[in-house]
C-alpha atoms as a PDB file:
ATOM      1  CA  MET A   1     121.861   4.776 149.664  1.00  0.00           C
ATOM      2  CA  GLN A   2     120.269   3.970 146.468  1.00  0.00           C
ATOM      3  CA  HIS A   3     117.030   5.398 144.496  1.00  0.00           C
ATOM      4  CA  ALA A   4     114.630   3.713 142.524  1.00  0.00           C
ATOM      5  CA  ASP A   5     111.077   4.073 141.503  1.00  0.00           C
ATOM      6  CA  ARG A   6     108.363   2.294 143.395  1.00  0.00           C
ATOM      7  CA  PHE A   7     107.363   0.211 140.969  1.00  0.00           C
ATOM      8  CA  GLU A   8     111.013  -1.711 141.099  1.00  0.00           C
ATOM      9  CA  LEU A   9     110.688  -2.296 144.492  1.00  0.00           C
ATOM     10  CA  ILE A  10     108.866  -4.189 146.885  1.00  0.00           C
ATOM     11  CA  ARG A  11     106.682  -3.144 149.663  1.00  0.00           C
ATOM     12  CA  PHE A  12     105.775  -4.688 152.879  1.00  0.00           C
ATOM     13  CA  VAL A  13     102.580  -3.903 154.895  1.00  0.00           C
ATOM     14  CA  LYS A  14     101.886  -4.178 158.559  1.00  0.00           C
ATOM     15  CA  THR A  15      98.037  -4.496 158.401  1.00  0.00           C
ATOM     16  CA  LYS A  16      96.019  -3.156 160.510  1.00  0.00           C
ATOM     17  CA  SER A  17      95.676  -6.980 162.603  1.00  0.00           C
ATOM     18  CA  GLY A  18      99.057  -6.220 162.767  1.00  0.00           C
ATOM     19  CA  GLU A  19     100.369  -9.106 160.257  1.00  0.00           C
ATOM     20  CA  VAL A  20     103.586  -8.481 157.990  1.00  0.00           C
ATOM     21  CA  VAL A  21     102.959  -9.372 154.976  1.00  0.00           C
ATOM     22  CA  VAL A  22     104.465  -8.692 151.066  1.00  0.00           C
ATOM     23  CA  ASP A  23     102.384  -6.392 149.179  1.00  0.00           C
ATOM     24  CA  ARG A  24     103.645  -6.729 145.332  1.00  0.00           C
ATOM     25  CA  GLU A  25     100.342  -5.032 143.803  1.00  0.00           C
ATOM     26  CA  GLN A  26     101.234  -1.748 146.515  1.00  0.00           C
ATOM     27  CA  LYS A  27      97.512  -1.807 147.453  1.00  0.00           C
ATOM     28  CA  ILE A  28      97.163  -3.103 150.864  1.00  0.00           C
ATOM     29  CA  GLU A  29      96.015  -0.638 153.697  1.00  0.00           C
ATOM     30  CA  GLY A  30      98.659   0.252 156.083  1.00  0.00           C
ATOM     31  CA  ARG A  31     102.376   1.387 156.947  1.00  0.00           C
ATOM     32  CA  GLY A  32     104.077   0.256 154.220  1.00  0.00           C
ATOM     33  CA  VAL A  33     108.272  -0.134 153.949  1.00  0.00           C
ATOM     34  CA  TYR A  34     109.861  -0.400 150.106  1.00  0.00           C
ATOM     35  CA  VAL A  35     112.427  -2.360 149.927  1.00  0.00           C
ATOM     36  CA  HIS A  36     115.169  -3.105 146.282  1.00  0.00           C
ATOM     37  CA  ASP A  37     114.285  -6.504 144.985  1.00  0.00           C
ATOM     38  CA  ASP A  38     117.257  -7.684 145.333  1.00  0.00           C
ATOM     39  CA  PRO A  39     118.516 -10.685 147.779  1.00  0.00           C
ATOM     40  CA  ALA A  40     121.496  -8.816 149.283  1.00  0.00           C
ATOM     41  CA  CYS A  41     119.248  -6.080 150.392  1.00  0.00           C
ATOM     42  CA  ILE A  42     116.354  -8.271 151.806  1.00  0.00           C
ATOM     43  CA  ALA A  43     119.338 -10.375 153.621  1.00  0.00           C
ATOM     44  CA  LYS A  44     120.345  -7.335 155.156  1.00  0.00           C
ATOM     45  CA  MET A  45     117.055  -6.294 156.262  1.00  0.00           C
ATOM     46  CA  LYS A  46     116.461  -9.703 157.672  1.00  0.00           C
ATOM     47  CA  LYS A  47     120.088  -9.906 159.327  1.00  0.00           C
ATOM     48  CA  LYS A  48     119.963  -6.394 161.001  1.00  0.00           C
ATOM     49  CA  LYS A  49     116.072  -6.217 161.824  1.00  0.00           C
ATOM     50  CA  LEU A  50     115.420  -3.420 159.932  1.00  0.00           C
ATOM     51  CA  LEU A  51     112.089  -4.372 158.848  1.00  0.00           C
ATOM     52  CA  ALA A  52     111.032  -4.675 162.606  1.00  0.00           C
ATOM     53  CA  ALA A  53     112.674  -1.761 163.265  1.00  0.00           C
ATOM     54  CA  ALA A  54     110.978   0.413 160.876  1.00  0.00           C
ATOM     55  CA  LEU A  55     107.260  -1.105 161.114  1.00  0.00           C
ATOM     56  CA  LYS A  56     107.738  -0.719 165.048  1.00  0.00           C
ATOM     57  CA  THR A  57     106.802  -4.724 165.645  1.00  0.00           C
ATOM     58  CA  SER A  58     108.008  -8.388 165.139  1.00  0.00           C
ATOM     59  CA  VAL A  59     108.572 -10.196 161.925  1.00  0.00           C
ATOM     60  CA  LYS A  60     107.773 -14.003 160.823  1.00  0.00           C
ATOM     61  CA  ALA A  61     110.890 -15.400 159.271  1.00  0.00           C
ATOM     62  CA  GLU A  62     108.717 -16.481 156.511  1.00  0.00           C
ATOM     63  CA  VAL A  63     107.630 -12.822 155.177  1.00  0.00           C
ATOM     64  CA  TYR A  64     111.568 -12.697 154.193  1.00  0.00           C
ATOM     65  CA  ASP A  65     110.998 -15.908 151.717  1.00  0.00           C
ATOM     66  CA  ILE A  66     109.759 -14.013 148.713  1.00  0.00           C
END
């Protein structure tokens, strides 16, 4: 596992309405997940459905197109 400062990471948030969005400013209210800003990390997260598991919701494919 790699460690990084949270400002070097991308934050995905499940909003109160249940939508999953990218929160680059890290200010949106809701349950958040931090991920390395690395295409390999994002691809792994998408392939293994890690974001959906962490946020306990379905995630639209376009969320990963960042």
